PDB file of N, CA and C in Angstrom:
ATOM      1  N   MET A   1      -2.341   9.857  -6.105  1.00  0.00           N
ATOM      2  CA  MET A   1      -1.716   8.632  -4.749  1.00  0.00           C
ATOM      3  C   MET A   1      -3.534   8.610  -4.678  1.00  0.00           C
ATOM      4  N   GLY A   2      -4.153   9.197  -4.317  1.00  0.00           N
ATOM      5  CA  GLY A   2      -5.660   8.695  -4.450  1.00  0.00           C
ATOM      6  C   GLY A   2      -5.985   7.884  -4.922  1.00  0.00           C
ATOM      7  N   GLY A   3      -5.828   6.985  -5.683  1.00  0.00           N
ATOM      8  CA  GLY A   3      -6.183   5.851  -6.214  1.00  0.00           C
ATOM      9  C   GLY A   3      -5.472   5.094  -5.884  1.00  0.00           C
ATOM     10  N   ALA A   4      -4.409   5.037  -4.698  1.00  0.00           N
ATOM     11  CA  ALA A   4      -3.594   3.590  -4.845  1.00  0.00           C
ATOM     12  C   ALA A   4      -3.856   2.762  -3.441  1.00  0.00           C
ATOM     13  N   THR A   5      -2.771   1.800  -3.711  1.00  0.00           N
ATOM     14  CA  THR A   5      -3.813   0.676  -2.789  1.00  0.00           C
ATOM     15  C   THR A   5      -2.628   0.877  -1.161  1.00  0.00           C
ATOM     16  N   VAL A   6      -3.265   0.869  -0.386  1.00  0.00           N
ATOM     17  CA  VAL A   6      -1.726   0.827   0.678  1.00  0.00           C
ATOM     18  C   VAL A   6      -1.121   0.644   0.906  1.00  0.00           C
ATOM     19  N   PHE A   7      -0.329  -0.698  -0.037  1.00  0.00           N
ATOM     20  CA  PHE A   7       0.704  -1.136  -0.566  1.00  0.00           C
ATOM     21  C   PHE A   7       1.213  -0.062  -1.317  1.00  0.00           C
ATOM     22  N   ASP A   8       0.729   0.340  -1.904  1.00  0.00           N
ATOM     23  CA  ASP A   8       1.241   1.712  -2.944  1.00  0.00           C
ATOM     24  C   ASP A   8       2.077   2.333  -2.353  1.00  0.00           C
ATOM     25  N   VAL A   9       1.156   2.387  -1.188  1.00  0.00           N
ATOM     26  CA  VAL A   9       1.563   4.320  -0.172  1.00  0.00           C
ATOM     27  C   VAL A   9       2.533   3.815   0.359  1.00  0.00           C
ATOM     28  N   ILE A  10       2.899   2.606   1.200  1.00  0.00           N
ATOM     29  CA  ILE A  10       3.745   2.283   1.989  1.00  0.00           C
ATOM     30  C   ILE A  10       5.038   1.855   1.155  1.00  0.00           C
ATOM     31  N   LEU A  11       4.649   1.323  -0.172  1.00  0.00           N
ATOM     32  CA  LEU A  11       6.125   1.597  -0.838  1.00  0.00           C
ATOM     33  C   LEU A  11       6.689   2.727  -1.233  1.00  0.00           C
ATOM     34  N   GLY A  12       5.470   3.658  -1.126  1.00  0.00           N
ATOM     35  CA  GLY A  12       5.886   5.242  -1.775  1.00  0.00           C
ATOM     36  C   GLY A  12       6.921   5.920  -0.662  1.00  0.00           C
ATOM     37  N   ILE A  13       6.333   5.411   0.520  1.00  0.00           N
ATOM     38  CA  ILE A  13       7.131   6.141   2.156  1.00  0.00           C
ATOM     39  C   ILE A  13       8.713   5.352   1.926  1.00  0.00           C
ATOM     40  N   ILE A  14       8.743   4.140   1.603  1.00  0.00           N
ATOM     41  CA  ILE A  14       9.793   3.776   1.765  1.00  0.00           C
ATOM     42  C   ILE A  14      10.471   3.535   0.724  1.00  0.00           C
ATOM     43  N   VAL A  15      10.087   4.510  -0.148  1.00  0.00           N
ATOM     44  CA  VAL A  15      11.494   4.297  -1.321  1.00  0.00           C
ATOM     45  C   VAL A  15      11.274   5.695  -0.886  1.00  0.00           C
ATOM     46  N   GLY A  16      11.202   6.542  -0.681  1.00  0.00           N
ATOM     47  CA  GLY A  16      10.891   8.312  -0.001  1.00  0.00           C
ATOM     48  C   GLY A  16      12.255   8.270   0.829  1.00  0.00           C
ATOM     49  N   LEU A  17      11.757   7.611   1.345  1.00  0.00           N
ATOM     50  CA  LEU A  17      13.165   7.142   3.282  1.00  0.00           C
ATOM     51  C   LEU A  17      14.343   7.221   2.669  1.00  0.00           C
ATOM     52  N   VAL A  18      14.727   5.785   1.038  1.00  0.00           N
ATOM     53  CA  VAL A  18      15.581   5.513   1.586  1.00  0.00           C
ATOM     54  C   VAL A  18      16.340   6.151   0.372  1.00  0.00           C
ATOM     55  N   ALA A  19      15.732   7.072  -0.413  1.00  0.00           N
ATOM     56  CA  ALA A  19      16.632   7.123  -1.453  1.00  0.00           C
ATOM     57  C   ALA A  19      16.643   8.897  -0.432  1.00  0.00           C
ATOM     58  N   SER A  20      16.004   9.288  -0.074  1.00  0.00           N
ATOM     59  CA  SER A  20      16.897  10.580   0.597  1.00  0.00           C
ATOM     60  C   SER A  20      17.353  10.680   1.960  1.00  0.00           C
ATOM     61  N   ARG A  21      18.186   8.658   1.885  1.00  0.00           N
ATOM     62  CA  ARG A  21      19.182   9.103   2.632  1.00  0.00           C
ATOM     63  C   ARG A  21      19.778   8.897   1.655  1.00  0.00           C
ATOM     64  N   ALA A  22      19.870   8.513   1.064  1.00  0.00           N
ATOM     65  CA  ALA A  22      21.078   8.753  -0.184  1.00  0.00           C
ATOM     66  C   ALA A  22      21.396   9.559  -0.717  1.00  0.00           C
ATOM     67  N   ILE A  23      20.023  10.464  -0.805  1.00  0.00           N
ATOM     68  CA  ILE A  23      20.821  11.996  -1.021  1.00  0.00           C
ATOM     69  C   ILE A  23      21.290  12.824  -0.399  1.00  0.00           C
ATOM     70  N   THR A  24      20.955  12.925   0.514  1.00  0.00           N
ATOM     71  CA  THR A  24      21.368  13.708   1.545  1.00  0.00           C
ATOM     72  C   THR A  24      23.070  12.902   2.713  1.00  0.00           C
ATOM     73  N   GLY A  25      23.041  11.843   1.995  1.00  0.00           N
ATOM     74  CA  GLY A  25      24.435  11.842   2.116  1.00  0.00           C
ATOM     75  C   GLY A  25      24.713  10.673   3.238  1.00  0.00           C
ATOM     76  N   ASN A  26      23.626  10.474   3.808  1.00  0.00           N
ATOM     77  CA  ASN A  26      23.895   9.419   5.015  1.00  0.00           C
ATOM     78  C   ASN A  26      23.797   7.818   5.001  1.00  0.00           C
ATOM     79  N   ALA A  27      23.751   7.349   3.640  1.00  0.00           N
ATOM     80  CA  ALA A  27      23.844   6.684   3.014  1.00  0.00           C
ATOM     81  C   ALA A  27      24.351   6.476   1.182  1.00  0.00           C
ATOM     82  N   PRO A  28      25.699   5.412   1.438  1.00  0.00           N
ATOM     83  CA  PRO A  28      25.992   5.109  -0.110  1.00  0.00           C
ATOM     84  C   PRO A  28      24.615   5.288  -1.299  1.00  0.00           C
ATOM     85  N   LEU A  29      24.918   6.165  -2.112  1.00  0.00           N
ATOM     86  CA  LEU A  29      24.209   6.027  -3.567  1.00  0.00           C
ATOM     87  C   LEU A  29      23.920   4.476  -4.133  1.00  0.00           C
ATOM     88  N   LEU A  30      24.687   3.086  -4.588  1.00  0.00           N
ATOM     89  CA  LEU A  30      24.329   2.318  -5.104  1.00  0.00           C
ATOM     90  C   LEU A  30      23.696   1.591  -4.718  1.00  0.00           C
ATOM     91  N   PRO A  31      24.506   1.056  -2.884  1.00  0.00           N
ATOM     92  CA  PRO A  31      23.301   0.572  -2.027  1.00  0.00           C
ATOM     93  C   PRO A  31      22.088   0.753  -2.221  1.00  0.00           C
ATOM     94  N   ALA A  32      21.922   1.974  -1.422  1.00  0.00           N
ATOM     95  CA  ALA A  32      20.659   2.599  -1.359  1.00  0.00           C
ATOM     96  C   ALA A  32      19.669   2.264  -3.007  1.00  0.00           C
ATOM     97  N   SER A  33      20.240   2.791  -3.935  1.00  0.00           N
ATOM     98  CA  SER A  33      19.416   2.661  -5.369  1.00  0.00           C
ATOM     99  C   SER A  33      19.368   0.865  -5.645  1.00  0.00           C
ATOM    100  N   GLY A  34      19.865   0.428  -4.920  1.00  0.00           N
ATOM    101  CA  GLY A  34      19.146  -1.111  -5.180  1.00  0.00           C
ATOM    102  C   GLY A  34      19.043  -1.707  -4.169  1.00  0.00           C
ATOM    103  N   ALA A  35      18.663  -1.100  -2.925  1.00  0.00           N
ATOM    104  CA  ALA A  35      17.197  -1.291  -2.183  1.00  0.00           C
ATOM    105  C   ALA A  35      16.608  -0.743  -3.144  1.00  0.00           C
ATOM    106  N   ILE A  36      15.919   0.627  -3.842  1.00  0.00           N
ATOM    107  CA  ILE A  36      14.844   1.171  -4.240  1.00  0.00           C
ATOM    108  C   ILE A  36      14.551  -0.642  -5.251  1.00  0.00           C
ATOM    109  N   ALA A  37      16.106  -0.106  -6.522  1.00  0.00           N
ATOM    110  CA  ALA A  37      14.977  -1.597  -7.584  1.00  0.00           C
ATOM    111  C   ALA A  37      14.502  -2.995  -6.780  1.00  0.00           C
ATOM    112  N   VAL A  38      15.664  -3.519  -5.724  1.00  0.00           N
ATOM    113  CA  VAL A  38      14.619  -4.670  -5.122  1.00  0.00           C
ATOM    114  C   VAL A  38      12.966  -4.183  -4.442  1.00  0.00           C
ATOM    115  N   LEU A  39      12.824  -2.757  -3.724  1.00  0.00           N
ATOM    116  CA  LEU A  39      11.728  -2.499  -3.681  1.00  0.00           C
ATOM    117  C   LEU A  39      10.732  -2.899  -4.453  1.00  0.00           C
ATOM    118  N   VAL A  40      10.756  -1.830  -5.732  1.00  0.00           N
ATOM    119  CA  VAL A  40      10.007  -1.869  -6.541  1.00  0.00           C
ATOM    120  C   VAL A  40       9.839  -3.405  -7.707  1.00  0.00           C
ATOM    121  N   GLY A  41      10.885  -3.811  -7.316  1.00  0.00           N
ATOM    122  CA  GLY A  41      10.578  -5.732  -8.252  1.00  0.00           C
ATOM    123  C   GLY A  41      10.398  -6.325  -7.142  1.00  0.00           C
ATOM    124  N   LEU A  42       9.621  -5.895  -5.704  1.00  0.00           N
ATOM    125  CA  LEU A  42       9.175  -6.556  -5.309  1.00  0.00           C
ATOM    126  C   LEU A  42       7.575  -6.870  -4.702  1.00  0.00           C
ATOM    127  N   HIS A  43       7.551  -5.318  -5.276  1.00  0.00           N
ATOM    128  CA  HIS A  43       6.150  -4.868  -5.607  1.00  0.00           C
ATOM    129  C   HIS A  43       5.818  -5.825  -6.584  1.00  0.00           C
ATOM    130  N   TRP A  44       6.187  -5.410  -8.380  1.00  0.00           N
ATOM    131  CA  TRP A  44       6.061  -5.200  -8.958  1.00  0.00           C
ATOM    132  C   TRP A  44       5.110  -6.942  -8.911  1.00  0.00           C
ATOM    133  N   SER A  45       6.480  -8.050  -8.306  1.00  0.00           N
ATOM    134  CA  SER A  45       5.515  -9.193  -8.361  1.00  0.00           C
ATOM    135  C   SER A  45       4.087  -9.551  -7.347  1.00  0.00           C
ATOM    136  N   PHE A  46       4.357  -8.935  -6.001  1.00  0.00           N
ATOM    137  CA  PHE A  46       3.628  -9.707  -5.767  1.00  0.00           C
ATOM    138  C   PHE A  46       2.313  -8.583  -6.182  1.00  0.00           C
ATOM    139  N   SER A  47       2.356  -7.610  -7.638  1.00  0.00           N
ATOM    140  CA  SER A  47       1.364  -6.925  -7.615  1.00  0.00           C
ATOM    141  C   SER A  47       0.737  -7.961  -9.047  1.00  0.00           C
ATOM    142  N   ALA A  48       2.223  -8.984  -9.458  1.00  0.00           N
ATOM    143  CA  ALA A  48       1.280 -10.025 -10.821  1.00  0.00           C
ATOM    144  C   ALA A  48       0.948 -11.017 -10.169  1.00  0.00           C
ATOM    145  N   ILE A  49       1.306 -11.335  -8.796  1.00  0.00           N
ATOM    146  CA  ILE A  49       0.366 -12.647  -8.603  1.00  0.00           C
ATOM    147  C   ILE A  49      -0.659 -11.986  -7.735  1.00  0.00           C
ATOM    148  N   ALA A  50      -0.733 -10.950  -7.352  1.00  0.00           N
ATOM    149  CA  ALA A  50      -2.159 -10.178  -6.577  1.00  0.00           C
ATOM    150  C   ALA A  50      -3.511 -10.528  -8.170  1.00  0.00           C
ATOM    151  N   VAL A  51      -3.293 -10.291  -9.019  1.00  0.00           N
ATOM    152  CA  VAL A  51      -3.495 -10.561 -10.213  1.00  0.00           C
ATOM    153  C   VAL A  51      -4.274 -11.750 -10.763  1.00  0.00           C
ATOM    154  N   ARG A  52      -3.359 -12.813 -10.505  1.00  0.00           N
ATOM    155  CA  ARG A  52      -3.651 -13.673 -10.913  1.00  0.00           C
ATOM    156  C   ARG A  52      -4.394 -15.097  -9.884  1.00  0.00           C
ATOM    157  N   TRP A  53      -3.383 -14.202  -8.859  1.00  0.00           N
ATOM    158  CA  TRP A  53      -4.027 -15.531  -7.534  1.00  0.00           C
ATOM    159  C   TRP A  53      -5.392 -13.957  -6.453  1.00  0.00           C
ATOM    160  N   ARG A  54      -6.955 -14.827  -6.413  1.00  0.00           N
ATOM    161  CA  ARG A  54      -7.407 -13.681  -5.644  1.00  0.00           C
ATOM    162  C   ARG A  54      -7.936 -13.902  -4.215  1.00  0.00           C
ATOM    163  N   VAL A  55      -6.827 -14.841  -3.847  1.00  0.00           N
ATOM    164  CA  VAL A  55      -7.073 -14.375  -2.448  1.00  0.00           C
ATOM    165  C   VAL A  55      -5.660 -13.831  -1.650  1.00  0.00           C
ATOM    166  N   PHE A  56      -4.378 -14.005  -2.955  1.00  0.00           N
ATOM    167  CA  PHE A  56      -3.593 -12.755  -2.100  1.00  0.00           C
ATOM    168  C   PHE A  56      -3.960 -12.091  -2.806  1.00  0.00           C
ATOM    169  N   GLY A  57      -4.671 -11.574  -3.495  1.00  0.00           N
ATOM    170  CA  GLY A  57      -4.686  -9.790  -4.110  1.00  0.00           C
ATOM    171  C   GLY A  57      -5.729  -9.538  -2.840  1.00  0.00           C
ATOM    172  N   LYS A  58      -6.331  -9.432  -2.752  1.00  0.00           N
ATOM    173  CA  LYS A  58      -7.634  -9.522  -0.619  1.00  0.00           C
ATOM    174  C   LYS A  58      -6.832  -9.592   0.460  1.00  0.00           C
ATOM    175  N   LEU A  59      -5.293 -10.526   0.560  1.00  0.00           N
ATOM    176  CA  LEU A  59      -4.489 -10.631   1.399  1.00  0.00           C
ATOM    177  C   LEU A  59      -3.942  -8.473   0.994  1.00  0.00           C
ATOM    178  N   ILE A  60      -3.212  -8.682   0.141  1.00  0.00           N
ATOM    179  CA  ILE A  60      -2.194  -7.353   0.096  1.00  0.00           C
ATOM    180  C   ILE A  60      -3.360  -5.821  -0.321  1.00  0.00           C
ATOM    181  N   LYS A  61      -4.409  -6.232  -0.740  1.00  0.00           N
ATOM    182  CA  LYS A  61      -4.775  -4.680  -1.034  1.00  0.00           C
ATOM    183  C   LYS A  61      -6.060  -4.739  -0.346  1.00  0.00           C
ATOM    184  N   GLY A  62      -6.508  -5.844   0.246  1.00  0.00           N
ATOM    185  CA  GLY A  62      -7.922  -6.075   0.825  1.00  0.00           C
ATOM    186  C   GLY A  62      -9.326  -5.500   0.717  1.00  0.00           C
ATOM    187  N   THR A  63     -10.468  -5.458   0.987  1.00  0.00           N
ATOM    188  CA  THR A  63     -11.424  -5.194   0.372  1.00  0.00           C
ATOM    189  C   THR A  63     -12.474  -3.819   0.865  1.00  0.00           C
ATOM    190  N   SER A  64     -12.812  -3.411   0.018  1.00  0.00           N
ATOM    191  CA  SER A  64     -13.633  -2.231   0.556  1.00  0.00           C
ATOM    192  C   SER A  64     -15.307  -2.466   1.150  1.00  0.00           C
ATOM    193  N   GLU A  65     -15.863  -1.608   1.910  1.00  0.00           N
ATOM    194  CA  GLU A  65     -16.795  -1.645   2.242  1.00  0.00           C
ATOM    195  C   GLU A  65     -17.651  -0.715   2.367  1.00  0.00           C
ATOM    196  N   VAL A  66     -18.951  -0.864   2.109  1.00  0.00           N
ATOM    197  CA  VAL A  66     -19.542   0.218   1.637  1.00  0.00           C
ATOM    198  C   VAL A  66     -20.949   0.753   3.426  1.00  0.00           C
ATOM    199  N   ILE A  67     -20.276   1.653   4.015  1.00  0.00           N
ATOM    200  CA  ILE A  67     -20.677   2.014   5.397  1.00  0.00           C
ATOM    201  C   ILE A  67     -21.495   3.017   5.629  1.00  0.00           C
ATOM    202  N   ILE A  68     -21.818   4.367   3.969  1.00  0.00           N
ATOM    203  CA  ILE A  68     -23.106   4.762   3.843  1.00  0.00           C
ATOM    204  C   ILE A  68     -23.759   4.544   2.520  1.00  0.00           C
ATOM    205  N   SER A  69     -24.782   4.350   2.630  1.00  0.00           N
ATOM    206  CA  SER A  69     -25.313   3.648   1.204  1.00  0.00           C
ATOM    207  C   SER A  69     -26.806   5.028   0.831  1.00  0.00           C
ATOM    208  N   ASP A  70     -27.566   5.538  -0.203  1.00  0.00           N
ATOM    209  CA  ASP A  70     -27.702   6.310  -0.314  1.00  0.00           C
ATOM    210  C   ASP A  70     -28.942   7.553   1.187  1.00  0.00           C
ATOM    211  N   GLY A  71     -26.885   7.814   1.686  1.00  0.00           N
ATOM    212  CA  GLY A  71     -27.314   9.464   2.303  1.00  0.00           C
ATOM    213  C   GLY A  71     -27.221   8.521   4.017  1.00  0.00           C
ATOM    214  N   GLN A  72     -27.460   6.726   4.196  1.00  0.00           N
ATOM    215  CA  GLN A  72     -27.753   6.988   5.374  1.00  0.00           C
ATOM    216  C   GLN A  72     -26.652   5.636   5.739  1.00  0.00           C
ATOM    217  N   ILE A  73     -26.431   5.689   7.072  1.00  0.00           N
ATOM    218  CA  ILE A  73     -25.372   5.274   7.790  1.00  0.00           C
ATOM    219  C   ILE A  73     -25.936   3.827   8.116  1.00  0.00           C
ATOM    220  N   ASP A  74     -24.566   2.523   7.622  1.00  0.00           N
ATOM    221  CA  ASP A  74     -25.345   1.535   8.262  1.00  0.00           C
ATOM    222  C   ASP A  74     -24.357   1.377   9.442  1.00  0.00           C
ATOM    223  N   LEU A  75     -24.910   1.380  10.202  1.00  0.00           N
ATOM    224  CA  LEU A  75     -24.541   1.253  11.614  1.00  0.00           C
ATOM    225  C   LEU A  75     -24.240  -0.350  12.357  1.00  0.00           C
ATOM    226  N   ASP A  76     -24.363  -1.298  11.677  1.00  0.00           N
ATOM    227  CA  ASP A  76     -24.498  -2.504  11.776  1.00  0.00           C
ATOM    228  C   ASP A  76     -22.704  -2.551  11.852  1.00  0.00           C
ATOM    229  N   ARG A  77     -22.983  -2.458  10.056  1.00  0.00           N
ATOM    230  CA  ARG A  77     -21.445  -2.055   9.673  1.00  0.00           C
ATOM    231  C   ARG A  77     -20.593  -1.189   9.524  1.00  0.00           C
ATOM    232  N   LEU A  78     -20.686   0.122  10.854  1.00  0.00           N
ATOM    233  CA  LEU A  78     -19.896   0.977  11.206  1.00  0.00           C
ATOM    234  C   LEU A  78     -19.016   0.099  12.453  1.00  0.00           C
ATOM    235  N   ARG A  79     -20.023  -1.132  12.699  1.00  0.00           N
ATOM    236  CA  ARG A  79     -19.290  -1.225  14.004  1.00  0.00           C
ATOM    237  C   ARG A  79     -19.017  -2.831  13.938  1.00  0.00           C
ATOM    238  N   GLU A  80     -18.967  -3.128  12.691  1.00  0.00           N
ATOM    239  CA  GLU A  80     -17.982  -4.460  12.205  1.00  0.00           C
ATOM    240  C   GLU A  80     -17.429  -3.673  12.034  1.00  0.00           C
ATOM    241  N   GLU A  81     -16.687  -2.648  11.625  1.00  0.00           N
ATOM    242  CA  GLU A  81     -15.576  -2.271  11.151  1.00  0.00           C
ATOM    243  C   GLU A  81     -14.414  -1.738  11.664  1.00  0.00           C
ATOM    244  N   HIS A  82     -15.202  -1.678  13.328  1.00  0.00           N
ATOM    245  CA  HIS A  82     -14.420  -1.029  14.426  1.00  0.00           C
ATOM    246  C   HIS A  82     -14.594   1.179  14.536  1.00  0.00           C
ATOM    247  N   MET A  83     -15.647   1.056  13.855  1.00  0.00           N
ATOM    248  CA  MET A  83     -15.552   2.590  13.364  1.00  0.00           C
ATOM    249  C   MET A  83     -16.211   3.374  14.338  1.00  0.00           C
ATOM    250  N   SER A  84     -16.458   4.339  14.749  1.00  0.00           N
ATOM    251  CA  SER A  84     -17.466   5.354  15.429  1.00  0.00           C
ATOM    252  C   SER A  84     -17.698   6.242  14.609  1.00  0.00           C
ATOM    253  N   GLU A  85     -19.478   7.392  14.685  1.00  0.00           N
ATOM    254  CA  GLU A  85     -19.574   7.789  13.665  1.00  0.00           C
ATOM    255  C   GLU A  85     -19.348   8.828  14.115  1.00  0.00           C
TER     256      GLU A  85
END
């Protein structure tokens, strides 16, 4: 999951939680499977919209910022991102 977005990681955690409840018997299998299908369907829909509409994509996936370039730390960018050295 190294190349996954935060959105993907959160979905993976939620799907794991729902599946674990079904596996351990704390929740019925069919409703849990339905919930997982809905979550995956929503993720697929949001991803398809994000590809077609860049503003929505930035909202869902976020953006990356270069903080270290050529071995030099950009202290101004670090402050803007609310990070410490």
